[in-house]
Amino acid sequence: MTAQTGEPPLAGLRTVVTGASSGIGRAIAVAFAAAGARVGLGFWRSSEAARELANELGAPHPLLQADLSTADGCASIVRDAFGALEHVDVWVNNAGADVLTGEAARWPAEHKLQALLELDLKATIRCSRLVAARMRPGGCILNLGWDHATVDGMAGDDPELFAAVKAGVLGFSKSFARSVAPDVRVNVLCPGWIETAFGAGADRDFYDEVAASTPLRRWGRPEDVAGAAVWLASPAAGFVTGQAINLNGGVVG
């Protein structure tokens, strides 16, 4: 609650979260709704999970289905979001390619790179530009990065690809924040080791090693990222733009 009014921090705001059907996106959508926002729930293939979330949150949180790996899909979700919500105050570019679990974990590196470029980087750029052009003054865009792309990096085939793409998200966001200021704020959430599907299926020794090497001695939870997202989207962060917030329990600075 805000100290001045006693209202929820996002009361009355109309927001969109892409990739809202699971993991971090789901947690952000739930937190935004709890904070008083009306939330457009973006998804692509996970229609059942998206409907379950919509039912859990109740009306009036519209479902927005689109394939954001294409330019047409990005245009359609922005168009549908403004149609369903009339205007958008906060947009969260959370949707990303999962190249670490299931069949995708066995994809060739070139296939993984293409998926990450299309969904994590290009969709972030496309949606940010389309949304900012229609936002009213005071709007906020939150993009999803990665803590290791901001500071130390990480060895390995998958981390190399992920770091390269998320560094692109960071560089774009910092530049875009200057382009759209003062009307729209743009910031980046940079999660570290978060207990999403990858964390849940991780080898136990690796899981314990990550927890032990984290100053706060645990993996992060999607709700940890969601709490930061609520703050960045709220008036309390009204003087914050062009910043990257690491959410990693102190693993990297």
C-alpha atoms as a PDB file:
ATOM      1  CA  MET A   1       0.000   0.000   0.000  1.00  0.00           C
ATOM      2  CA  THR A   2       1.119   3.543  -0.602  1.00  0.00           C
ATOM      3  CA  ALA A   3       1.685   5.560   2.537  1.00  0.00           C
ATOM      4  CA  GLN A   4      -0.112   8.600   1.182  1.00  0.00           C
ATOM      5  CA  THR A   5      -3.398   7.140  -0.023  1.00  0.00           C
ATOM      6  CA  GLY A   6      -3.665   3.608   1.322  1.00  0.00           C
ATOM      7  CA  GLU A   7      -4.418   2.411  -2.238  1.00  0.00           C
ATOM      8  CA  PRO A   8      -2.667  -0.568  -3.825  1.00  0.00           C
ATOM      9  CA  PRO A   9       0.475   0.636  -5.638  1.00  0.00           C
ATOM     10  CA  LEU A  10      -0.854  -0.107  -9.136  1.00  0.00           C
ATOM     11  CA  ALA A  11      -4.496   0.783  -8.511  1.00  0.00           C
ATOM     12  CA  GLY A  12      -6.303   1.552 -11.756  1.00  0.00           C
ATOM     13  CA  LEU A  13      -3.312   0.913 -14.019  1.00  0.00           C
ATOM     14  CA  ARG A  14      -3.812  -1.101 -17.170  1.00  0.00           C
ATOM     15  CA  THR A  15      -0.941  -3.440 -17.820  1.00  0.00           C
ATOM     16  CA  VAL A  16       0.201  -6.207 -20.147  1.00  0.00           C
ATOM     17  CA  VAL A  17       2.528  -9.075 -19.293  1.00  0.00           C
ATOM     18  CA  THR A  18       3.780 -11.178 -22.200  1.00  0.00           C
ATOM     19  CA  GLY A  19       4.560 -14.820 -21.490  1.00  0.00           C
ATOM     20  CA  ALA A  20       2.153 -14.667 -18.561  1.00  0.00           C
ATOM     21  CA  SER A  21       1.084 -18.309 -18.525  1.00  0.00           C
ATOM     22  CA  SER A  22       3.993 -19.664 -16.455  1.00  0.00           C
ATOM     23  CA  GLY A  23       7.104 -18.914 -14.431  1.00  0.00           C
ATOM     24  CA  ILE A  24       8.202 -15.340 -13.890  1.00  0.00           C
ATOM     25  CA  GLY A  25       5.528 -13.926 -16.188  1.00  0.00           C
ATOM     26  CA  ARG A  26       2.771 -15.642 -14.247  1.00  0.00           C
ATOM     27  CA  ALA A  27       4.143 -14.356 -10.953  1.00  0.00           C
ATOM     28  CA  ILE A  28       4.304 -10.816 -12.316  1.00  0.00           C
ATOM     29  CA  ALA A  29       0.730 -11.004 -13.593  1.00  0.00           C
ATOM     30  CA  VAL A  30      -0.518 -12.278 -10.228  1.00  0.00           C
ATOM     31  CA  ALA A  31       1.408  -9.586  -8.353  1.00  0.00           C
ATOM     32  CA  PHE A  32       0.162  -6.828 -10.650  1.00  0.00           C
ATOM     33  CA  ALA A  33      -3.438  -7.941 -10.209  1.00  0.00           C
ATOM     34  CA  ALA A  34      -2.989  -8.088  -6.431  1.00  0.00           C
ATOM     35  CA  ALA A  35      -1.534  -4.575  -6.572  1.00  0.00           C
ATOM     36  CA  GLY A  36      -4.717  -3.258  -8.183  1.00  0.00           C
ATOM     37  CA  ALA A  37      -3.878  -3.395 -11.899  1.00  0.00           C
ATOM     38  CA  ARG A  38      -6.010  -4.726 -14.697  1.00  0.00           C
ATOM     39  CA  VAL A  39      -3.716  -7.178 -16.490  1.00  0.00           C
ATOM     40  CA  GLY A  40      -3.681  -8.309 -20.099  1.00  0.00           C
ATOM     41  CA  LEU A  41      -2.327 -11.864 -20.070  1.00  0.00           C
ATOM     42  CA  GLY A  42      -0.104 -12.530 -23.067  1.00  0.00           C
ATOM     43  CA  PHE A  43       0.537 -16.103 -24.199  1.00  0.00           C
ATOM     44  CA  TRP A  44       1.071 -18.189 -27.329  1.00  0.00           C
ATOM     45  CA  ARG A  45       0.765 -21.980 -27.085  1.00  0.00           C
ATOM     46  CA  SER A  46      -0.072 -22.450 -23.397  1.00  0.00           C
ATOM     47  CA  SER A  47      -3.763 -21.690 -23.791  1.00  0.00           C
ATOM     48  CA  GLU A  48      -4.917 -23.983 -20.983  1.00  0.00           C
ATOM     49  CA  ALA A  49      -2.489 -22.485 -18.465  1.00  0.00           C
ATOM     50  CA  ALA A  50      -3.434 -18.973 -19.578  1.00  0.00           C
ATOM     51  CA  ARG A  51      -7.149 -19.702 -19.119  1.00  0.00           C
ATOM     52  CA  GLU A  52      -6.464 -21.159 -15.674  1.00  0.00           C
ATOM     53  CA  LEU A  53      -4.632 -17.998 -14.688  1.00  0.00           C
ATOM     54  CA  ALA A  54      -7.421 -15.797 -16.034  1.00  0.00           C
ATOM     55  CA  ASN A  55      -9.971 -17.816 -14.037  1.00  0.00           C
ATOM     56  CA  GLU A  56      -7.819 -17.537 -10.915  1.00  0.00           C
ATOM     57  CA  LEU A  57      -7.521 -13.774 -11.234  1.00  0.00           C
ATOM     58  CA  GLY A  58     -11.150 -13.302 -12.288  1.00  0.00           C
ATOM     59  CA  ALA A  59     -12.540 -10.497 -14.420  1.00  0.00           C
ATOM     60  CA  PRO A  60     -11.524  -8.224 -15.999  1.00  0.00           C
ATOM     61  CA  HIS A  61      -8.100  -9.566 -17.093  1.00  0.00           C
ATOM     62  CA  PRO A  62      -8.193 -10.257 -20.856  1.00  0.00           C
ATOM     63  CA  LEU A  63      -6.309 -13.035 -22.630  1.00  0.00           C
ATOM     64  CA  LEU A  64      -4.007 -11.898 -25.452  1.00  0.00           C
ATOM     65  CA  GLN A  65      -2.769 -14.677 -27.716  1.00  0.00           C
ATOM     66  CA  ALA A  66       0.023 -13.978 -30.203  1.00  0.00           C
ATOM     67  CA  ASP A  67       3.198 -15.486 -31.632  1.00  0.00           C
ATOM     68  CA  LEU A  68       5.723 -12.823 -30.665  1.00  0.00           C
ATOM     69  CA  SER A  69       8.506 -14.435 -32.675  1.00  0.00           C
ATOM     70  CA  THR A  70       7.042 -12.658 -35.708  1.00  0.00           C
ATOM     71  CA  ALA A  71       6.551  -8.987 -36.526  1.00  0.00           C
ATOM     72  CA  ASP A  72       2.863  -9.620 -37.236  1.00  0.00           C
ATOM     73  CA  GLY A  73       2.442 -11.286 -33.851  1.00  0.00           C
ATOM     74  CA  CYS A  74       3.975  -8.321 -32.046  1.00  0.00           C
ATOM     75  CA  ALA A  75       1.733  -5.929 -33.936  1.00  0.00           C
ATOM     76  CA  SER A  76      -1.350  -8.014 -33.179  1.00  0.00           C
ATOM     77  CA  ILE A  77      -0.799  -8.263 -29.416  1.00  0.00           C
ATOM     78  CA  VAL A  78      -0.267  -4.515 -29.146  1.00  0.00           C
ATOM     79  CA  ARG A  79      -3.373  -3.849 -31.213  1.00  0.00           C
ATOM     80  CA  ASP A  80      -5.444  -6.342 -29.221  1.00  0.00           C
ATOM     81  CA  ALA A  81      -4.139  -5.033 -25.896  1.00  0.00           C
ATOM     82  CA  PHE A  82      -5.130  -1.452 -26.627  1.00  0.00           C
ATOM     83  CA  GLY A  83      -8.476  -2.713 -27.922  1.00  0.00           C
ATOM     84  CA  ALA A  84      -9.202  -4.740 -24.785  1.00  0.00           C
ATOM     85  CA  LEU A  85      -7.816  -2.272 -22.246  1.00  0.00           C
ATOM     86  CA  GLU A  86      -8.443   1.027 -24.123  1.00  0.00           C
ATOM     87  CA  HIS A  87      -5.011   2.221 -23.039  1.00  0.00           C
ATOM     88  CA  VAL A  88      -1.876   0.647 -21.549  1.00  0.00           C
ATOM     89  CA  ASP A  89       0.060   2.169 -18.654  1.00  0.00           C
ATOM     90  CA  VAL A  90       2.599  -0.609 -18.082  1.00  0.00           C
ATOM     91  CA  TRP A  91       3.978  -3.161 -20.533  1.00  0.00           C
ATOM     92  CA  VAL A  92       6.197  -6.063 -19.437  1.00  0.00           C
ATOM     93  CA  ASN A  93       8.215  -7.793 -22.169  1.00  0.00           C
ATOM     94  CA  ASN A  94       8.653 -11.099 -20.350  1.00  0.00           C
ATOM     95  CA  ALA A  95       8.107 -13.647 -23.134  1.00  0.00           C
ATOM     96  CA  GLY A  96      11.265 -15.563 -23.986  1.00  0.00           C
ATOM     97  CA  ALA A  97      12.430 -18.718 -25.710  1.00  0.00           C
ATOM     98  CA  ASP A  98      12.998 -21.742 -23.474  1.00  0.00           C
ATOM     99  CA  VAL A  99      16.093 -23.407 -24.920  1.00  0.00           C
ATOM    100  CA  LEU A 100      17.062 -25.217 -21.717  1.00  0.00           C
ATOM    101  CA  THR A 101      14.285 -27.730 -21.087  1.00  0.00           C
ATOM    102  CA  GLY A 102      12.391 -30.376 -23.033  1.00  0.00           C
ATOM    103  CA  GLU A 103      13.086 -30.983 -26.706  1.00  0.00           C
ATOM    104  CA  ALA A 104      14.561 -27.485 -27.122  1.00  0.00           C
ATOM    105  CA  ALA A 105      17.504 -28.408 -24.885  1.00  0.00           C
ATOM    106  CA  ARG A 106      18.715 -30.699 -27.704  1.00  0.00           C
ATOM    107  CA  TRP A 107      18.409 -28.126 -30.477  1.00  0.00           C
ATOM    108  CA  PRO A 108      21.580 -27.193 -32.412  1.00  0.00           C
ATOM    109  CA  ALA A 109      23.179 -23.944 -31.273  1.00  0.00           C
ATOM    110  CA  GLU A 110      22.092 -22.118 -34.420  1.00  0.00           C
ATOM    111  CA  HIS A 111      18.448 -23.054 -33.811  1.00  0.00           C
ATOM    112  CA  LYS A 112      18.656 -21.906 -30.193  1.00  0.00           C
ATOM    113  CA  LEU A 113      20.261 -18.629 -31.215  1.00  0.00           C
ATOM    114  CA  GLN A 114      17.563 -17.921 -33.775  1.00  0.00           C
ATOM    115  CA  ALA A 115      14.791 -18.629 -31.250  1.00  0.00           C
ATOM    116  CA  LEU A 116      16.398 -16.350 -28.661  1.00  0.00           C
ATOM    117  CA  LEU A 117      16.953 -13.557 -31.162  1.00  0.00           C
ATOM    118  CA  GLU A 118      13.387 -13.650 -32.438  1.00  0.00           C
ATOM    119  CA  LEU A 119      11.561 -13.893 -29.106  1.00  0.00           C
ATOM    120  CA  ASP A 120      13.841 -12.404 -26.463  1.00  0.00           C
ATOM    121  CA  LEU A 121      15.424  -9.591 -28.467  1.00  0.00           C
ATOM    122  CA  LYS A 122      13.397  -8.730 -31.557  1.00  0.00           C
ATOM    123  CA  ALA A 123      10.018  -9.060 -29.826  1.00  0.00           C
ATOM    124  CA  THR A 124      11.231  -6.833 -27.006  1.00  0.00           C
ATOM    125  CA  ILE A 125      12.329  -4.183 -29.486  1.00  0.00           C
ATOM    126  CA  ARG A 126       9.214  -4.447 -31.644  1.00  0.00           C
ATOM    127  CA  CYS A 127       6.703  -4.397 -28.798  1.00  0.00           C
ATOM    128  CA  SER A 128       8.525  -1.614 -26.952  1.00  0.00           C
ATOM    129  CA  ARG A 129       8.453   0.649 -29.990  1.00  0.00           C
ATOM    130  CA  LEU A 130       4.833  -0.094 -30.860  1.00  0.00           C
ATOM    131  CA  VAL A 131       3.630   0.363 -27.286  1.00  0.00           C
ATOM    132  CA  ALA A 132       5.615   3.508 -26.500  1.00  0.00           C
ATOM    133  CA  ALA A 133       4.197   5.196 -29.598  1.00  0.00           C
ATOM    134  CA  ARG A 134       0.686   4.772 -28.157  1.00  0.00           C
ATOM    135  CA  MET A 135       1.312   5.214 -24.440  1.00  0.00           C
ATOM    136  CA  ARG A 136       0.166   8.274 -22.590  1.00  0.00           C
ATOM    137  CA  PRO A 137       2.728  10.307 -20.605  1.00  0.00           C
ATOM    138  CA  GLY A 138       3.665   8.435 -17.456  1.00  0.00           C
ATOM    139  CA  GLY A 139       3.874   5.047 -19.162  1.00  0.00           C
ATOM    140  CA  CYS A 140       6.314   2.337 -18.108  1.00  0.00           C
ATOM    141  CA  ILE A 141       7.998  -0.494 -20.018  1.00  0.00           C
ATOM    142  CA  LEU A 142       9.816  -3.313 -18.223  1.00  0.00           C
ATOM    143  CA  ASN A 143      12.096  -5.655 -20.152  1.00  0.00           C
ATOM    144  CA  LEU A 144      13.610  -8.937 -18.982  1.00  0.00           C
ATOM    145  CA  GLY A 145      17.379  -9.335 -19.014  1.00  0.00           C
ATOM    146  CA  TRP A 146      19.846 -11.627 -17.224  1.00  0.00           C
ATOM    147  CA  ASP A 147      22.178 -10.732 -14.386  1.00  0.00           C
ATOM    148  CA  HIS A 148      25.209 -12.529 -15.872  1.00  0.00           C
ATOM    149  CA  ALA A 149      24.845 -10.548 -19.091  1.00  0.00           C
ATOM    150  CA  THR A 150      25.326  -7.311 -17.151  1.00  0.00           C
ATOM    151  CA  VAL A 151      28.530  -8.096 -15.251  1.00  0.00           C
ATOM    152  CA  ASP A 152      30.497 -11.356 -15.183  1.00  0.00           C
ATOM    153  CA  GLY A 153      29.244 -13.546 -18.011  1.00  0.00           C
ATOM    154  CA  MET A 154      29.176 -17.336 -17.782  1.00  0.00           C
ATOM    155  CA  ALA A 155      31.051 -20.059 -19.642  1.00  0.00           C
ATOM    156  CA  GLY A 156      29.174 -22.624 -21.721  1.00  0.00           C
ATOM    157  CA  ASP A 157      27.333 -22.937 -25.026  1.00  0.00           C
ATOM    158  CA  ASP A 158      23.883 -21.947 -23.752  1.00  0.00           C
ATOM    159  CA  PRO A 159      25.092 -19.140 -21.456  1.00  0.00           C
ATOM    160  CA  GLU A 160      27.074 -17.618 -24.339  1.00  0.00           C
ATOM    161  CA  LEU A 161      23.947 -17.381 -26.482  1.00  0.00           C
ATOM    162  CA  PHE A 162      21.712 -16.208 -23.653  1.00  0.00           C
ATOM    163  CA  ALA A 163      24.213 -13.586 -22.510  1.00  0.00           C
ATOM    164  CA  ALA A 164      24.625 -12.205 -26.016  1.00  0.00           C
ATOM    165  CA  VAL A 165      20.896 -11.826 -26.551  1.00  0.00           C
ATOM    166  CA  LYS A 166      20.134 -10.415 -23.097  1.00  0.00           C
ATOM    167  CA  ALA A 167      23.020  -7.958 -23.435  1.00  0.00           C
ATOM    168  CA  GLY A 168      21.230  -6.787 -26.560  1.00  0.00           C
ATOM    169  CA  VAL A 169      18.037  -6.301 -24.543  1.00  0.00           C
ATOM    170  CA  LEU A 170      19.980  -4.263 -21.993  1.00  0.00           C
ATOM    171  CA  GLY A 171      21.676  -2.070 -24.590  1.00  0.00           C
ATOM    172  CA  PHE A 172      18.429  -1.443 -26.445  1.00  0.00           C
ATOM    173  CA  SER A 173      16.556  -0.634 -23.242  1.00  0.00           C
ATOM    174  CA  LYS A 174      19.092   1.922 -22.048  1.00  0.00           C
ATOM    175  CA  SER A 175      19.066   3.673 -25.409  1.00  0.00           C
ATOM    176  CA  PHE A 176      15.286   3.441 -25.799  1.00  0.00           C
ATOM    177  CA  ALA A 177      14.806   4.916 -22.320  1.00  0.00           C
ATOM    178  CA  ARG A 178      16.530   8.063 -23.577  1.00  0.00           C
ATOM    179  CA  SER A 179      14.529   8.090 -26.810  1.00  0.00           C
ATOM    180  CA  VAL A 180      11.117   8.009 -25.112  1.00  0.00           C
ATOM    181  CA  ALA A 181      11.899  10.125 -22.034  1.00  0.00           C
ATOM    182  CA  PRO A 182      10.314  12.004 -20.363  1.00  0.00           C
ATOM    183  CA  ASP A 183       6.975  10.486 -21.328  1.00  0.00           C
ATOM    184  CA  VAL A 184       7.780   6.778 -20.860  1.00  0.00           C
ATOM    185  CA  ARG A 185      10.123   5.080 -18.400  1.00  0.00           C
ATOM    186  CA  VAL A 186      12.060   1.961 -19.506  1.00  0.00           C
ATOM    187  CA  ASN A 187      13.876  -0.370 -17.104  1.00  0.00           C
ATOM    188  CA  VAL A 188      15.288  -3.893 -17.126  1.00  0.00           C
ATOM    189  CA  LEU A 189      14.700  -6.694 -14.627  1.00  0.00           C
ATOM    190  CA  CYS A 190      17.744  -8.997 -14.558  1.00  0.00           C
ATOM    191  CA  PRO A 191      16.939 -12.266 -12.753  1.00  0.00           C
ATOM    192  CA  GLY A 192      19.645 -14.678 -11.684  1.00  0.00           C
ATOM    193  CA  TRP A 193      19.015 -18.275 -10.664  1.00  0.00           C
ATOM    194  CA  ILE A 194      15.225 -18.451 -10.340  1.00  0.00           C
ATOM    195  CA  GLU A 195      13.204 -21.570  -9.545  1.00  0.00           C
ATOM    196  CA  THR A 196      11.303 -21.851 -12.810  1.00  0.00           C
ATOM    197  CA  ALA A 197      11.052 -25.047 -14.889  1.00  0.00           C
ATOM    198  CA  PHE A 198      14.829 -25.169 -15.356  1.00  0.00           C
ATOM    199  CA  GLY A 199      15.524 -24.841 -11.652  1.00  0.00           C
ATOM    200  CA  ALA A 200      12.892 -27.401 -10.743  1.00  0.00           C
ATOM    201  CA  GLY A 201      14.506 -29.965 -13.027  1.00  0.00           C
ATOM    202  CA  ALA A 202      18.120 -29.149 -12.193  1.00  0.00           C
ATOM    203  CA  ASP A 203      20.544 -31.788 -10.923  1.00  0.00           C
ATOM    204  CA  ARG A 204      20.427 -31.730  -7.123  1.00  0.00           C
ATOM    205  CA  ASP A 205      24.172 -31.210  -6.721  1.00  0.00           C
ATOM    206  CA  PHE A 206      24.042 -28.253  -9.098  1.00  0.00           C
ATOM    207  CA  TYR A 207      20.969 -26.893  -7.322  1.00  0.00           C
ATOM    208  CA  ASP A 208      22.708 -27.054  -3.945  1.00  0.00           C
ATOM    209  CA  GLU A 209      25.896 -25.533  -5.381  1.00  0.00           C
ATOM    210  CA  VAL A 210      23.963 -22.523  -6.694  1.00  0.00           C
ATOM    211  CA  ALA A 211      22.260 -22.012  -3.344  1.00  0.00           C
ATOM    212  CA  ALA A 212      25.547 -22.311  -1.450  1.00  0.00           C
ATOM    213  CA  SER A 213      27.293 -19.792  -3.732  1.00  0.00           C
ATOM    214  CA  THR A 214      24.493 -17.235  -3.353  1.00  0.00           C
ATOM    215  CA  PRO A 215      24.978 -14.768  -0.484  1.00  0.00           C
ATOM    216  CA  LEU A 216      21.291 -15.141   0.490  1.00  0.00           C
ATOM    217  CA  ARG A 217      21.759 -18.939   0.399  1.00  0.00           C
ATOM    218  CA  ARG A 218      18.831 -19.851  -1.818  1.00  0.00           C
ATOM    219  CA  TRP A 219      17.532 -19.788  -5.353  1.00  0.00           C
ATOM    220  CA  GLY A 220      15.282 -16.893  -6.236  1.00  0.00           C
ATOM    221  CA  ARG A 221      11.555 -17.358  -6.679  1.00  0.00           C
ATOM    222  CA  PRO A 222       9.405 -15.892  -9.449  1.00  0.00           C
ATOM    223  CA  GLU A 223       7.711 -13.841  -6.748  1.00  0.00           C
ATOM    224  CA  ASP A 224      11.040 -12.134  -5.992  1.00  0.00           C
ATOM    225  CA  VAL A 225      11.136 -10.813  -9.543  1.00  0.00           C
ATOM    226  CA  ALA A 226       7.459  -9.899  -9.424  1.00  0.00           C
ATOM    227  CA  GLY A 227       7.938  -7.762  -6.324  1.00  0.00           C
ATOM    228  CA  ALA A 228      10.595  -5.702  -8.074  1.00  0.00           C
ATOM    229  CA  ALA A 229       8.382  -5.387 -11.142  1.00  0.00           C
ATOM    230  CA  VAL A 230       5.517  -3.985  -9.066  1.00  0.00           C
ATOM    231  CA  TRP A 231       7.834  -1.388  -7.560  1.00  0.00           C
ATOM    232  CA  LEU A 232       9.337  -0.352 -10.905  1.00  0.00           C
ATOM    233  CA  ALA A 233       5.855  -0.026 -12.407  1.00  0.00           C
ATOM    234  CA  SER A 234       4.565   2.045  -9.501  1.00  0.00           C
ATOM    235  CA  PRO A 235       4.710   5.809  -8.899  1.00  0.00           C
ATOM    236  CA  ALA A 236       7.294   5.085  -6.178  1.00  0.00           C
ATOM    237  CA  ALA A 237       9.824   4.464  -8.980  1.00  0.00           C
ATOM    238  CA  GLY A 238       8.785   7.538 -10.937  1.00  0.00           C
ATOM    239  CA  PHE A 239      12.366   8.856 -11.095  1.00  0.00           C
ATOM    240  CA  VAL A 240      13.888   5.554 -12.258  1.00  0.00           C
ATOM    241  CA  THR A 241      14.535   4.951 -15.954  1.00  0.00           C
ATOM    242  CA  GLY A 242      17.266   3.371 -18.060  1.00  0.00           C
ATOM    243  CA  GLN A 243      18.300   1.120 -15.185  1.00  0.00           C
ATOM    244  CA  ALA A 244      19.002  -2.624 -14.854  1.00  0.00           C
ATOM    245  CA  ILE A 245      17.978  -4.190 -11.540  1.00  0.00           C
ATOM    246  CA  ASN A 246      19.776  -7.441 -10.662  1.00  0.00           C
ATOM    247  CA  LEU A 247      17.581  -9.934  -8.785  1.00  0.00           C
ATOM    248  CA  ASN A 248      19.995 -12.653  -7.783  1.00  0.00           C
ATOM    249  CA  GLY A 249      20.524 -12.769  -4.049  1.00  0.00           C
ATOM    250  CA  GLY A 250      23.863 -10.999  -4.424  1.00  0.00           C
ATOM    251  CA  VAL A 251      25.577 -13.439  -6.837  1.00  0.00           C
ATOM    252  CA  VAL A 252      26.830 -10.664  -9.120  1.00  0.00           C
ATOM    253  CA  GLY A 253      26.761  -6.922  -8.576  1.00  0.00           C
END
